[in-house]
Amino acid sequence: MKQATQKEITAIKALFLQHYSNAVTELHYNNAYELVIAVVLSAQCTDKRVNIITPALFQAYPDVHTLAAANVEDVKALINTCSFFNNKANNIIAMAQRVVAVYNGKIPMNEKELITLAGVGQKTANVVMIEYTGANLMAVDTHVFRVAHRLGLSNDDTASKTEATLVKKLQTDLHRLHQGFVLFGRYICTAKNPKCEDDCFVAEFCKSKESFKAR
């Protein structure tokens, strides 16, 4: 697919910053502990579903200390409508145990330390840092991947390569661009039947629009 020129990249970036200047995650949380859990649970699961699950989970386990001492079957019962809930239950308990043991009960806000926690990979760590600290990082989920490719910002075949390309091409305001790409991909540039005609503010830069018209 044809790639965006530097002029197009600059224009795309400006439009996203204009339309999503105050964008934040749609996950509900009150502190770093709740944010990490919500992001871990959101892997292969919708934010809407996670927001339904987490109130009861956070009520039962309001901090890392209570979660670290939790019975895994009890945690599974609270999150069993979430995809891969068995693994996620084990991971969030192990995550809490490490935070208690190594970080004195405080979620580390450092990318390299975050990825030492169970269930927290590079993408999850980046999302947490982007949301909680406004770090100049890019995280590539299915929405960001789709938007980046349709706009010719990347032609990489993996999320990690796409992340590196976006960081190189966009450079600054990455936290706001990440949030913008996620929301744009979720509600406008959808996987099926994207809203090209009515709502897309970057339609002139799309490298895929002809294929959509042909459907």
N, C-alpha and C. Protein backbone atom coordinates (compact mmCIF):
# COMPACT_ATOMS: atom_id res chain seq x y z
N MET A 1 0.84 -1.20 0.00
CA MET A 1 0.00 0.00 0.00
C MET A 1 0.87 1.26 0.00
N LYS A 2 0.43 2.26 -0.72
CA LYS A 2 1.17 3.51 -0.81
C LYS A 2 1.33 4.15 0.56
N GLN A 3 2.52 4.68 0.82
CA GLN A 3 2.79 5.29 2.12
C GLN A 3 2.59 6.81 2.08
N ALA A 4 2.22 7.37 3.22
CA ALA A 4 2.00 8.80 3.34
C ALA A 4 3.31 9.56 3.18
N THR A 5 3.23 10.71 2.53
CA THR A 5 4.40 11.58 2.41
C THR A 5 4.60 12.34 3.72
N GLN A 6 5.75 12.99 3.87
CA GLN A 6 5.99 13.76 5.07
C GLN A 6 4.96 14.88 5.23
N LYS A 7 4.58 15.48 4.12
CA LYS A 7 3.57 16.54 4.16
C LYS A 7 2.23 15.98 4.64
N GLU A 8 1.89 14.81 4.15
CA GLU A 8 0.64 14.17 4.57
C GLU A 8 0.69 13.78 6.04
N ILE A 9 1.83 13.27 6.49
CA ILE A 9 1.99 12.88 7.90
C ILE A 9 1.78 14.09 8.80
N THR A 10 2.37 15.20 8.43
CA THR A 10 2.23 16.43 9.21
C THR A 10 0.76 16.86 9.29
N ALA A 11 0.07 16.77 8.17
CA ALA A 11 -1.35 17.16 8.13
C ALA A 11 -2.22 16.20 8.95
N ILE A 12 -1.96 14.91 8.81
CA ILE A 12 -2.71 13.89 9.57
C ILE A 12 -2.52 14.11 11.06
N LYS A 13 -1.29 14.32 11.46
CA LYS A 13 -0.98 14.55 12.87
C LYS A 13 -1.72 15.75 13.40
N ALA A 14 -1.70 16.85 12.67
CA ALA A 14 -2.36 18.07 13.11
C ALA A 14 -3.87 17.86 13.25
N LEU A 15 -4.47 17.14 12.34
CA LEU A 15 -5.91 16.90 12.40
C LEU A 15 -6.30 16.03 13.59
N PHE A 16 -5.50 15.02 13.87
CA PHE A 16 -5.79 14.18 15.03
C PHE A 16 -5.63 14.95 16.34
N LEU A 17 -4.62 15.78 16.42
CA LEU A 17 -4.42 16.57 17.63
C LEU A 17 -5.55 17.58 17.81
N GLN A 18 -6.09 18.05 16.70
CA GLN A 18 -7.21 18.99 16.75
C GLN A 18 -8.49 18.29 17.21
N HIS A 19 -8.76 17.13 16.67
CA HIS A 19 -10.02 16.44 16.96
C HIS A 19 -10.00 15.67 18.28
N TYR A 20 -8.82 15.29 18.74
CA TYR A 20 -8.73 14.48 19.96
C TYR A 20 -7.79 15.12 20.99
N SER A 21 -7.89 16.42 21.15
CA SER A 21 -6.97 17.13 22.03
C SER A 21 -7.09 16.69 23.49
N ASN A 22 -8.28 16.26 23.90
CA ASN A 22 -8.49 15.88 25.29
C ASN A 22 -8.87 14.41 25.45
N ALA A 23 -8.50 13.59 24.50
CA ALA A 23 -8.89 12.18 24.52
C ALA A 23 -8.19 11.42 25.65
N VAL A 24 -8.95 10.57 26.32
CA VAL A 24 -8.42 9.70 27.36
C VAL A 24 -9.01 8.31 27.17
N THR A 25 -8.50 7.36 27.92
CA THR A 25 -9.02 6.00 27.82
C THR A 25 -10.49 5.95 28.23
N GLU A 26 -11.21 4.99 27.67
CA GLU A 26 -12.60 4.78 28.07
C GLU A 26 -12.72 3.78 29.21
N LEU A 27 -11.60 3.25 29.66
CA LEU A 27 -11.60 2.37 30.83
C LEU A 27 -11.82 3.20 32.09
N HIS A 28 -12.61 2.68 33.01
CA HIS A 28 -12.89 3.38 34.26
C HIS A 28 -11.89 2.97 35.34
N TYR A 29 -11.29 3.95 35.99
CA TYR A 29 -10.34 3.66 37.06
C TYR A 29 -10.19 4.89 37.95
N ASN A 30 -9.71 4.65 39.17
CA ASN A 30 -9.51 5.74 40.12
C ASN A 30 -8.06 5.94 40.52
N ASN A 31 -7.21 4.97 40.23
CA ASN A 31 -5.80 5.05 40.62
C ASN A 31 -4.98 4.12 39.75
N ALA A 32 -3.68 4.12 39.96
CA ALA A 32 -2.78 3.34 39.11
C ALA A 32 -3.04 1.83 39.23
N TYR A 33 -3.36 1.38 40.42
CA TYR A 33 -3.68 -0.03 40.64
C TYR A 33 -4.87 -0.46 39.78
N GLU A 34 -5.93 0.32 39.82
CA GLU A 34 -7.12 -0.02 39.04
C GLU A 34 -6.86 0.10 37.54
N LEU A 35 -6.04 1.07 37.15
CA LEU A 35 -5.73 1.24 35.73
C LEU A 35 -4.98 0.03 35.18
N VAL A 36 -3.98 -0.43 35.90
CA VAL A 36 -3.19 -1.58 35.43
C VAL A 36 -4.10 -2.80 35.26
N ILE A 37 -4.94 -3.05 36.23
CA ILE A 37 -5.84 -4.19 36.14
C ILE A 37 -6.80 -4.04 34.96
N ALA A 38 -7.37 -2.87 34.80
CA ALA A 38 -8.31 -2.64 33.70
C ALA A 38 -7.64 -2.86 32.35
N VAL A 39 -6.41 -2.37 32.20
CA VAL A 39 -5.71 -2.54 30.93
C VAL A 39 -5.36 -4.00 30.68
N VAL A 40 -4.94 -4.71 31.72
CA VAL A 40 -4.66 -6.14 31.58
C VAL A 40 -5.91 -6.89 31.15
N LEU A 41 -7.03 -6.59 31.77
CA LEU A 41 -8.28 -7.27 31.44
C LEU A 41 -8.77 -6.92 30.04
N SER A 42 -8.40 -5.75 29.54
CA SER A 42 -8.91 -5.30 28.24
C SER A 42 -8.27 -6.01 27.05
N ALA A 43 -7.22 -6.76 27.27
CA ALA A 43 -6.59 -7.51 26.18
C ALA A 43 -7.59 -8.52 25.61
N GLN A 44 -7.87 -8.43 24.33
CA GLN A 44 -8.83 -9.32 23.65
C GLN A 44 -10.23 -9.20 24.25
N CYS A 45 -10.51 -8.06 24.86
CA CYS A 45 -11.82 -7.84 25.48
C CYS A 45 -12.17 -6.36 25.31
N THR A 46 -13.43 -6.03 25.19
CA THR A 46 -13.82 -4.64 24.98
C THR A 46 -13.73 -3.83 26.27
N ASP A 47 -13.49 -2.55 26.13
CA ASP A 47 -13.48 -1.66 27.30
C ASP A 47 -14.85 -1.67 27.97
N LYS A 48 -15.90 -1.75 27.19
CA LYS A 48 -17.25 -1.78 27.75
C LYS A 48 -17.43 -2.97 28.68
N ARG A 49 -16.98 -4.13 28.26
CA ARG A 49 -17.08 -5.33 29.09
C ARG A 49 -16.23 -5.19 30.35
N VAL A 50 -15.02 -4.68 30.20
CA VAL A 50 -14.14 -4.49 31.36
C VAL A 50 -14.79 -3.56 32.39
N ASN A 51 -15.41 -2.49 31.91
CA ASN A 51 -16.06 -1.54 32.82
C ASN A 51 -17.25 -2.14 33.55
N ILE A 52 -17.84 -3.18 32.99
CA ILE A 52 -18.92 -3.89 33.67
C ILE A 52 -18.35 -4.78 34.77
N ILE A 53 -17.19 -5.37 34.50
CA ILE A 53 -16.57 -6.32 35.42
C ILE A 53 -15.90 -5.67 36.62
N THR A 54 -15.19 -4.58 36.38
CA THR A 54 -14.26 -4.07 37.40
C THR A 54 -14.90 -3.49 38.66
N PRO A 55 -16.10 -2.91 38.66
CA PRO A 55 -16.62 -2.38 39.93
C PRO A 55 -16.68 -3.43 41.04
N ALA A 56 -17.19 -4.61 40.75
CA ALA A 56 -17.27 -5.66 41.77
C ALA A 56 -15.88 -6.16 42.15
N LEU A 57 -15.00 -6.24 41.16
CA LEU A 57 -13.62 -6.68 41.43
C LEU A 57 -12.91 -5.71 42.35
N PHE A 58 -13.03 -4.41 42.07
CA PHE A 58 -12.36 -3.41 42.89
C PHE A 58 -13.00 -3.27 44.27
N GLN A 59 -14.27 -3.56 44.35
CA GLN A 59 -14.92 -3.53 45.66
C GLN A 59 -14.41 -4.68 46.53
N ALA A 60 -14.24 -5.84 45.91
CA ALA A 60 -13.75 -7.01 46.65
C ALA A 60 -12.28 -6.90 46.98
N TYR A 61 -11.52 -6.29 46.08
CA TYR A 61 -10.06 -6.17 46.24
C TYR A 61 -9.65 -4.72 45.95
N PRO A 62 -9.78 -3.84 46.93
CA PRO A 62 -9.57 -2.41 46.69
C PRO A 62 -8.13 -1.97 46.54
N ASP A 63 -7.18 -2.87 46.79
CA ASP A 63 -5.77 -2.49 46.65
C ASP A 63 -4.93 -3.73 46.37
N VAL A 64 -3.65 -3.51 46.12
CA VAL A 64 -2.77 -4.64 45.77
C VAL A 64 -2.64 -5.64 46.91
N HIS A 65 -2.71 -5.17 48.15
CA HIS A 65 -2.55 -6.06 49.30
C HIS A 65 -3.70 -7.07 49.37
N THR A 66 -4.91 -6.61 49.19
CA THR A 66 -6.05 -7.53 49.24
C THR A 66 -6.04 -8.47 48.03
N LEU A 67 -5.66 -7.97 46.86
CA LEU A 67 -5.62 -8.82 45.68
C LEU A 67 -4.48 -9.84 45.78
N ALA A 68 -3.36 -9.44 46.36
CA ALA A 68 -2.23 -10.35 46.50
C ALA A 68 -2.58 -11.56 47.37
N ALA A 69 -3.53 -11.37 48.28
CA ALA A 69 -3.93 -12.46 49.19
C ALA A 69 -5.19 -13.17 48.72
N ALA A 70 -5.66 -12.84 47.52
CA ALA A 70 -6.93 -13.37 47.03
C ALA A 70 -6.84 -14.83 46.64
N ASN A 71 -7.98 -15.50 46.73
CA ASN A 71 -8.12 -16.86 46.21
C ASN A 71 -8.41 -16.76 44.72
N VAL A 72 -7.65 -17.48 43.92
CA VAL A 72 -7.76 -17.34 42.47
C VAL A 72 -9.14 -17.72 41.95
N GLU A 73 -9.79 -18.68 42.59
CA GLU A 73 -11.12 -19.09 42.13
C GLU A 73 -12.14 -17.98 42.37
N ASP A 74 -11.96 -17.23 43.47
CA ASP A 74 -12.86 -16.11 43.75
C ASP A 74 -12.68 -15.01 42.71
N VAL A 75 -11.42 -14.77 42.31
CA VAL A 75 -11.15 -13.75 41.30
C VAL A 75 -11.71 -14.19 39.95
N LYS A 76 -11.54 -15.46 39.62
CA LYS A 76 -12.08 -15.98 38.37
C LYS A 76 -13.59 -15.78 38.29
N ALA A 77 -14.27 -16.01 39.41
CA ALA A 77 -15.72 -15.88 39.44
C ALA A 77 -16.16 -14.44 39.15
N LEU A 78 -15.33 -13.48 39.54
CA LEU A 78 -15.67 -12.07 39.34
C LEU A 78 -15.39 -11.58 37.92
N ILE A 79 -14.47 -12.26 37.22
CA ILE A 79 -14.09 -11.78 35.88
C ILE A 79 -14.40 -12.81 34.79
N ASN A 80 -15.26 -13.77 35.09
CA ASN A 80 -15.46 -14.89 34.15
C ASN A 80 -16.20 -14.53 32.87
N THR A 81 -16.69 -13.30 32.74
CA THR A 81 -17.27 -12.89 31.47
C THR A 81 -16.25 -12.19 30.58
N CYS A 82 -15.01 -12.14 31.04
CA CYS A 82 -13.91 -11.55 30.28
C CYS A 82 -13.16 -12.65 29.55
N SER A 83 -12.70 -12.37 28.36
CA SER A 83 -11.93 -13.37 27.61
C SER A 83 -10.67 -13.76 28.36
N PHE A 84 -10.32 -15.05 28.27
CA PHE A 84 -9.11 -15.59 28.90
C PHE A 84 -9.07 -15.29 30.41
N PHE A 85 -10.23 -15.39 31.06
CA PHE A 85 -10.31 -15.00 32.46
C PHE A 85 -9.47 -15.87 33.39
N ASN A 86 -9.24 -17.13 33.01
CA ASN A 86 -8.41 -17.99 33.86
C ASN A 86 -6.98 -17.45 33.96
N ASN A 87 -6.39 -17.17 32.80
CA ASN A 87 -5.03 -16.63 32.78
C ASN A 87 -4.97 -15.26 33.42
N LYS A 88 -5.97 -14.44 33.14
CA LYS A 88 -5.97 -13.07 33.65
C LYS A 88 -6.11 -13.05 35.18
N ALA A 89 -6.91 -13.96 35.73
CA ALA A 89 -7.04 -14.04 37.19
C ALA A 89 -5.70 -14.37 37.83
N ASN A 90 -5.02 -15.37 37.28
CA ASN A 90 -3.70 -15.74 37.80
C ASN A 90 -2.71 -14.59 37.66
N ASN A 91 -2.76 -13.90 36.52
CA ASN A 91 -1.82 -12.82 36.26
C ASN A 91 -2.02 -11.63 37.19
N ILE A 92 -3.26 -11.20 37.40
CA ILE A 92 -3.44 -10.00 38.23
C ILE A 92 -3.11 -10.28 39.69
N ILE A 93 -3.32 -11.52 40.14
CA ILE A 93 -2.91 -11.86 41.51
C ILE A 93 -1.38 -11.86 41.61
N ALA A 94 -0.72 -12.49 40.63
CA ALA A 94 0.74 -12.50 40.62
C ALA A 94 1.30 -11.10 40.49
N MET A 95 0.64 -10.26 39.70
CA MET A 95 1.05 -8.88 39.56
C MET A 95 1.01 -8.17 40.91
N ALA A 96 -0.11 -8.34 41.62
CA ALA A 96 -0.27 -7.70 42.93
C ALA A 96 0.77 -8.21 43.93
N GLN A 97 1.05 -9.49 43.88
CA GLN A 97 2.04 -10.07 44.80
C GLN A 97 3.43 -9.49 44.55
N ARG A 98 3.79 -9.29 43.29
CA ARG A 98 5.09 -8.71 42.99
C ARG A 98 5.15 -7.23 43.40
N VAL A 99 4.07 -6.51 43.17
CA VAL A 99 4.03 -5.10 43.57
C VAL A 99 4.20 -4.97 45.08
N VAL A 100 3.58 -5.86 45.84
CA VAL A 100 3.72 -5.84 47.30
C VAL A 100 5.14 -6.21 47.71
N ALA A 101 5.67 -7.26 47.09
CA ALA A 101 6.97 -7.78 47.50
C ALA A 101 8.14 -6.91 47.06
N VAL A 102 8.05 -6.36 45.86
CA VAL A 102 9.19 -5.66 45.28
C VAL A 102 9.04 -4.14 45.33
N TYR A 103 7.81 -3.66 45.20
CA TYR A 103 7.60 -2.21 45.07
C TYR A 103 6.83 -1.61 46.24
N ASN A 104 6.83 -2.31 47.36
CA ASN A 104 6.24 -1.80 48.59
C ASN A 104 4.77 -1.40 48.41
N GLY A 105 4.08 -2.15 47.55
CA GLY A 105 2.65 -1.93 47.37
C GLY A 105 2.29 -0.80 46.43
N LYS A 106 3.26 -0.22 45.75
CA LYS A 106 3.00 0.91 44.85
C LYS A 106 3.30 0.51 43.41
N ILE A 107 2.35 0.74 42.52
CA ILE A 107 2.54 0.41 41.11
C ILE A 107 3.70 1.24 40.56
N PRO A 108 4.73 0.60 40.00
CA PRO A 108 5.84 1.37 39.45
C PRO A 108 5.45 2.07 38.15
N MET A 109 5.73 3.33 38.07
CA MET A 109 5.44 4.07 36.83
C MET A 109 6.71 4.24 36.02
N ASN A 110 7.25 3.11 35.67
CA ASN A 110 8.46 3.03 34.87
C ASN A 110 8.25 1.89 33.88
N GLU A 111 8.46 2.18 32.62
CA GLU A 111 8.16 1.21 31.57
C GLU A 111 8.86 -0.13 31.78
N LYS A 112 10.15 -0.11 32.10
CA LYS A 112 10.90 -1.35 32.26
C LYS A 112 10.46 -2.13 33.48
N GLU A 113 10.05 -1.43 34.54
CA GLU A 113 9.58 -2.11 35.74
C GLU A 113 8.16 -2.65 35.55
N LEU A 114 7.34 -1.92 34.84
CA LEU A 114 5.97 -2.38 34.60
C LEU A 114 5.95 -3.72 33.87
N ILE A 115 6.83 -3.90 32.90
CA ILE A 115 6.79 -5.14 32.11
C ILE A 115 7.34 -6.34 32.88
N THR A 116 7.84 -6.13 34.10
CA THR A 116 8.21 -7.27 34.94
C THR A 116 7.01 -7.82 35.68
N LEU A 117 5.87 -7.14 35.61
CA LEU A 117 4.67 -7.59 36.30
C LEU A 117 3.92 -8.60 35.44
N ALA A 118 3.36 -9.61 36.07
CA ALA A 118 2.62 -10.64 35.35
C ALA A 118 1.47 -10.04 34.56
N GLY A 119 1.33 -10.43 33.31
CA GLY A 119 0.25 -9.96 32.46
C GLY A 119 0.50 -8.61 31.81
N VAL A 120 1.63 -7.99 32.12
CA VAL A 120 1.93 -6.67 31.58
C VAL A 120 3.04 -6.78 30.54
N GLY A 121 2.66 -6.71 29.28
CA GLY A 121 3.64 -6.70 28.21
C GLY A 121 3.97 -5.27 27.81
N GLN A 122 4.68 -5.13 26.71
CA GLN A 122 5.10 -3.81 26.25
C GLN A 122 3.91 -2.90 25.96
N LYS A 123 2.91 -3.44 25.25
CA LYS A 123 1.75 -2.62 24.91
C LYS A 123 1.01 -2.17 26.16
N THR A 124 0.78 -3.09 27.08
CA THR A 124 0.06 -2.75 28.31
C THR A 124 0.82 -1.70 29.11
N ALA A 125 2.13 -1.88 29.23
CA ALA A 125 2.95 -0.91 29.95
C ALA A 125 2.86 0.47 29.31
N ASN A 126 2.92 0.51 28.00
CA ASN A 126 2.83 1.78 27.29
C ASN A 126 1.48 2.45 27.50
N VAL A 127 0.40 1.66 27.42
CA VAL A 127 -0.94 2.21 27.62
C VAL A 127 -1.06 2.81 29.02
N VAL A 128 -0.56 2.11 30.02
CA VAL A 128 -0.61 2.61 31.40
C VAL A 128 0.16 3.91 31.52
N MET A 129 1.36 3.94 30.97
CA MET A 129 2.19 5.15 31.05
C MET A 129 1.57 6.31 30.28
N ILE A 130 1.01 6.03 29.12
CA ILE A 130 0.35 7.06 28.32
C ILE A 130 -0.80 7.67 29.09
N GLU A 131 -1.65 6.82 29.65
CA GLU A 131 -2.85 7.30 30.32
C GLU A 131 -2.54 7.97 31.66
N TYR A 132 -1.65 7.37 32.43
CA TYR A 132 -1.44 7.83 33.81
C TYR A 132 -0.43 8.97 33.92
N THR A 133 0.55 8.98 33.04
CA THR A 133 1.61 9.99 33.15
C THR A 133 1.72 10.89 31.93
N GLY A 134 0.97 10.58 30.86
CA GLY A 134 1.10 11.37 29.65
C GLY A 134 2.44 11.18 28.96
N ALA A 135 3.03 10.00 29.14
CA ALA A 135 4.35 9.71 28.56
C ALA A 135 4.30 9.76 27.05
N ASN A 136 5.38 10.21 26.45
CA ASN A 136 5.46 10.31 24.99
C ASN A 136 5.78 8.93 24.41
N LEU A 137 4.77 8.07 24.46
CA LEU A 137 4.90 6.69 23.99
C LEU A 137 3.75 6.38 23.05
N MET A 138 3.94 5.35 22.24
CA MET A 138 2.89 4.86 21.35
C MET A 138 2.60 3.41 21.70
N ALA A 139 1.34 3.06 21.76
CA ALA A 139 0.93 1.67 21.97
C ALA A 139 0.05 1.28 20.80
N VAL A 140 0.26 0.11 20.24
CA VAL A 140 -0.46 -0.30 19.04
C VAL A 140 -1.38 -1.47 19.35
N ASP A 141 -2.68 -1.18 19.40
CA ASP A 141 -3.68 -2.23 19.50
C ASP A 141 -4.29 -2.43 18.12
N THR A 142 -5.35 -3.19 18.05
CA THR A 142 -5.95 -3.49 16.73
C THR A 142 -6.46 -2.23 16.03
N HIS A 143 -6.96 -1.26 16.81
CA HIS A 143 -7.47 -0.02 16.22
C HIS A 143 -6.34 0.84 15.67
N VAL A 144 -5.29 1.02 16.47
CA VAL A 144 -4.15 1.82 16.03
C VAL A 144 -3.49 1.18 14.82
N PHE A 145 -3.35 -0.13 14.83
CA PHE A 145 -2.75 -0.86 13.71
C PHE A 145 -3.54 -0.60 12.43
N ARG A 146 -4.87 -0.71 12.52
CA ARG A 146 -5.73 -0.53 11.35
C ARG A 146 -5.65 0.90 10.82
N VAL A 147 -5.75 1.87 11.70
CA VAL A 147 -5.72 3.27 11.29
C VAL A 147 -4.38 3.62 10.66
N ALA A 148 -3.29 3.17 11.29
CA ALA A 148 -1.96 3.48 10.77
C ALA A 148 -1.77 2.93 9.36
N HIS A 149 -2.27 1.75 9.12
CA HIS A 149 -2.10 1.14 7.80
C HIS A 149 -3.02 1.77 6.76
N ARG A 150 -4.24 2.08 7.13
CA ARG A 150 -5.16 2.69 6.17
C ARG A 150 -4.71 4.09 5.77
N LEU A 151 -4.04 4.78 6.67
CA LEU A 151 -3.57 6.13 6.37
C LEU A 151 -2.17 6.15 5.77
N GLY A 152 -1.59 4.98 5.59
CA GLY A 152 -0.26 4.92 5.00
C GLY A 152 0.84 5.37 5.92
N LEU A 153 0.58 5.31 7.22
CA LEU A 153 1.61 5.68 8.20
C LEU A 153 2.55 4.51 8.48
N SER A 154 2.12 3.32 8.13
CA SER A 154 2.94 2.13 8.35
C SER A 154 2.48 1.03 7.39
N ASN A 155 3.43 0.21 6.98
CA ASN A 155 3.08 -1.00 6.23
C ASN A 155 3.70 -2.22 6.90
N ASP A 156 4.04 -2.06 8.19
CA ASP A 156 4.66 -3.15 8.95
C ASP A 156 3.65 -4.25 9.24
N ASP A 157 4.17 -5.47 9.41
CA ASP A 157 3.27 -6.61 9.59
C ASP A 157 3.06 -7.00 11.04
N THR A 158 3.67 -6.31 11.98
CA THR A 158 3.45 -6.61 13.40
C THR A 158 3.18 -5.33 14.17
N ALA A 159 2.58 -5.49 15.34
CA ALA A 159 2.28 -4.34 16.19
C ALA A 159 3.55 -3.65 16.66
N SER A 160 4.55 -4.43 17.03
CA SER A 160 5.79 -3.85 17.57
C SER A 160 6.53 -3.04 16.49
N LYS A 161 6.55 -3.55 15.27
CA LYS A 161 7.19 -2.81 14.19
C LYS A 161 6.39 -1.55 13.85
N THR A 162 5.08 -1.67 13.88
CA THR A 162 4.22 -0.52 13.62
C THR A 162 4.45 0.55 14.67
N GLU A 163 4.58 0.15 15.92
CA GLU A 163 4.86 1.09 17.01
C GLU A 163 6.15 1.85 16.73
N ALA A 164 7.20 1.14 16.37
CA ALA A 164 8.49 1.78 16.11
C ALA A 164 8.39 2.77 14.95
N THR A 165 7.66 2.39 13.91
CA THR A 165 7.49 3.27 12.76
C THR A 165 6.72 4.53 13.12
N LEU A 166 5.66 4.38 13.90
CA LEU A 166 4.85 5.54 14.29
C LEU A 166 5.65 6.48 15.19
N VAL A 167 6.44 5.93 16.09
CA VAL A 167 7.29 6.76 16.96
C VAL A 167 8.27 7.56 16.10
N LYS A 168 8.86 6.90 15.12
CA LYS A 168 9.84 7.56 14.26
C LYS A 168 9.20 8.66 13.41
N LYS A 169 8.01 8.39 12.87
CA LYS A 169 7.37 9.34 11.96
C LYS A 169 6.65 10.47 12.68
N LEU A 170 6.06 10.18 13.83
CA LEU A 170 5.24 11.18 14.51
C LEU A 170 6.00 11.94 15.60
N GLN A 171 6.89 11.27 16.28
CA GLN A 171 7.88 11.85 17.21
C GLN A 171 7.31 12.47 18.49
N THR A 172 6.39 13.41 18.37
CA THR A 172 5.91 14.13 19.55
C THR A 172 4.39 13.95 19.71
N ASP A 173 3.89 14.30 20.90
CA ASP A 173 2.45 14.19 21.20
C ASP A 173 1.94 12.78 20.99
N LEU A 174 2.79 11.80 21.21
CA LEU A 174 2.41 10.42 20.93
C LEU A 174 1.27 9.94 21.83
N HIS A 175 1.24 10.41 23.07
CA HIS A 175 0.18 9.96 23.98
C HIS A 175 -1.19 10.41 23.49
N ARG A 176 -1.29 11.63 23.00
CA ARG A 176 -2.57 12.11 22.49
C ARG A 176 -2.91 11.45 21.15
N LEU A 177 -1.92 11.22 20.34
CA LEU A 177 -2.16 10.55 19.05
C LEU A 177 -2.61 9.11 19.26
N HIS A 178 -2.02 8.43 20.23
CA HIS A 178 -2.45 7.07 20.55
C HIS A 178 -3.92 7.05 20.92
N GLN A 179 -4.30 7.91 21.86
CA GLN A 179 -5.69 7.95 22.29
C GLN A 179 -6.61 8.29 21.13
N GLY A 180 -6.18 9.23 20.29
CA GLY A 180 -6.98 9.62 19.14
C GLY A 180 -7.14 8.49 18.14
N PHE A 181 -6.06 7.78 17.84
CA PHE A 181 -6.13 6.66 16.91
C PHE A 181 -7.08 5.57 17.43
N VAL A 182 -7.01 5.31 18.74
CA VAL A 182 -7.88 4.28 19.33
C VAL A 182 -9.35 4.65 19.15
N LEU A 183 -9.71 5.88 19.52
CA LEU A 183 -11.10 6.30 19.41
C LEU A 183 -11.56 6.40 17.96
N PHE A 184 -10.68 6.89 17.10
CA PHE A 184 -11.00 7.00 15.67
C PHE A 184 -11.25 5.61 15.08
N GLY A 185 -10.39 4.66 15.42
CA GLY A 185 -10.55 3.30 14.93
C GLY A 185 -11.76 2.59 15.51
N ARG A 186 -12.09 2.92 16.73
CA ARG A 186 -13.21 2.27 17.41
C ARG A 186 -14.56 2.74 16.88
N TYR A 187 -14.66 4.02 16.53
CA TYR A 187 -15.97 4.58 16.21
C TYR A 187 -16.13 5.08 14.77
N ILE A 188 -15.04 5.37 14.09
CA ILE A 188 -15.13 5.91 12.73
C ILE A 188 -14.46 4.98 11.72
N CYS A 189 -13.18 4.73 11.89
CA CYS A 189 -12.44 3.89 10.95
C CYS A 189 -12.53 2.43 11.41
N THR A 190 -13.75 1.93 11.46
CA THR A 190 -14.01 0.60 11.97
C THR A 190 -13.54 -0.49 11.00
N ALA A 191 -13.37 -1.69 11.52
CA ALA A 191 -12.87 -2.78 10.68
C ALA A 191 -13.83 -3.07 9.52
N LYS A 192 -15.13 -3.07 9.82
CA LYS A 192 -16.15 -3.29 8.79
C LYS A 192 -17.00 -2.03 8.67
N ASN A 193 -17.33 -1.71 7.47
CA ASN A 193 -18.19 -0.55 7.20
C ASN A 193 -17.71 0.75 7.85
N PRO A 194 -16.48 1.15 7.58
CA PRO A 194 -15.98 2.40 8.16
C PRO A 194 -16.80 3.59 7.69
N LYS A 195 -16.91 4.60 8.54
CA LYS A 195 -17.76 5.77 8.25
C LYS A 195 -16.97 6.80 7.43
N CYS A 196 -16.63 6.41 6.24
CA CYS A 196 -15.76 7.22 5.38
C CYS A 196 -16.42 8.52 4.94
N GLU A 197 -17.67 8.43 4.57
CA GLU A 197 -18.34 9.58 3.95
C GLU A 197 -18.78 10.62 4.97
N ASP A 198 -19.28 10.17 6.09
CA ASP A 198 -19.93 11.09 7.03
C ASP A 198 -19.01 11.68 8.09
N ASP A 199 -18.16 10.85 8.69
CA ASP A 199 -17.45 11.27 9.89
C ASP A 199 -15.93 11.35 9.76
N CYS A 200 -15.37 10.85 8.69
CA CYS A 200 -13.91 10.80 8.59
C CYS A 200 -13.32 12.16 8.22
N PHE A 201 -12.48 12.68 9.10
CA PHE A 201 -11.87 13.99 8.86
C PHE A 201 -10.50 13.88 8.18
N VAL A 202 -10.07 12.65 7.91
CA VAL A 202 -8.80 12.44 7.20
C VAL A 202 -9.02 11.62 5.93
N ALA A 203 -10.23 11.67 5.40
CA ALA A 203 -10.57 10.84 4.23
C ALA A 203 -9.65 11.12 3.05
N GLU A 204 -9.20 12.36 2.88
CA GLU A 204 -8.36 12.70 1.73
C GLU A 204 -7.00 12.00 1.78
N PHE A 205 -6.61 11.52 2.96
CA PHE A 205 -5.31 10.87 3.11
C PHE A 205 -5.41 9.35 3.13
N CYS A 206 -6.62 8.82 3.09
CA CYS A 206 -6.82 7.38 3.21
C CYS A 206 -6.29 6.65 1.98
N LYS A 207 -5.54 5.59 2.22
CA LYS A 207 -4.97 4.80 1.12
C LYS A 207 -5.87 3.59 0.80
N SER A 208 -6.97 3.44 1.54
CA SER A 208 -7.82 2.27 1.37
C SER A 208 -9.23 2.60 0.91
N LYS A 209 -9.54 3.88 0.73
CA LYS A 209 -10.93 4.26 0.49
C LYS A 209 -11.51 3.65 -0.78
N GLU A 210 -10.71 3.43 -1.79
CA GLU A 210 -11.24 2.85 -3.02
C GLU A 210 -11.74 1.42 -2.80
N SER A 211 -11.04 0.70 -1.95
CA SER A 211 -11.46 -0.67 -1.67
C SER A 211 -12.76 -0.69 -0.89
N PHE A 212 -12.99 0.34 -0.04
CA PHE A 212 -14.24 0.41 0.69
C PHE A 212 -15.41 0.73 -0.26
N LYS A 213 -15.16 1.61 -1.22
CA LYS A 213 -16.21 1.98 -2.16
C LYS A 213 -16.63 0.80 -3.01
N ALA A 214 -15.69 -0.11 -3.23
CA ALA A 214 -15.98 -1.24 -4.11
C ALA A 214 -16.85 -2.31 -3.44
N ARG A 215 -17.01 -2.21 -2.11
CA ARG A 215 -17.76 -3.24 -1.40
C ARG A 215 -19.27 -3.05 -1.56
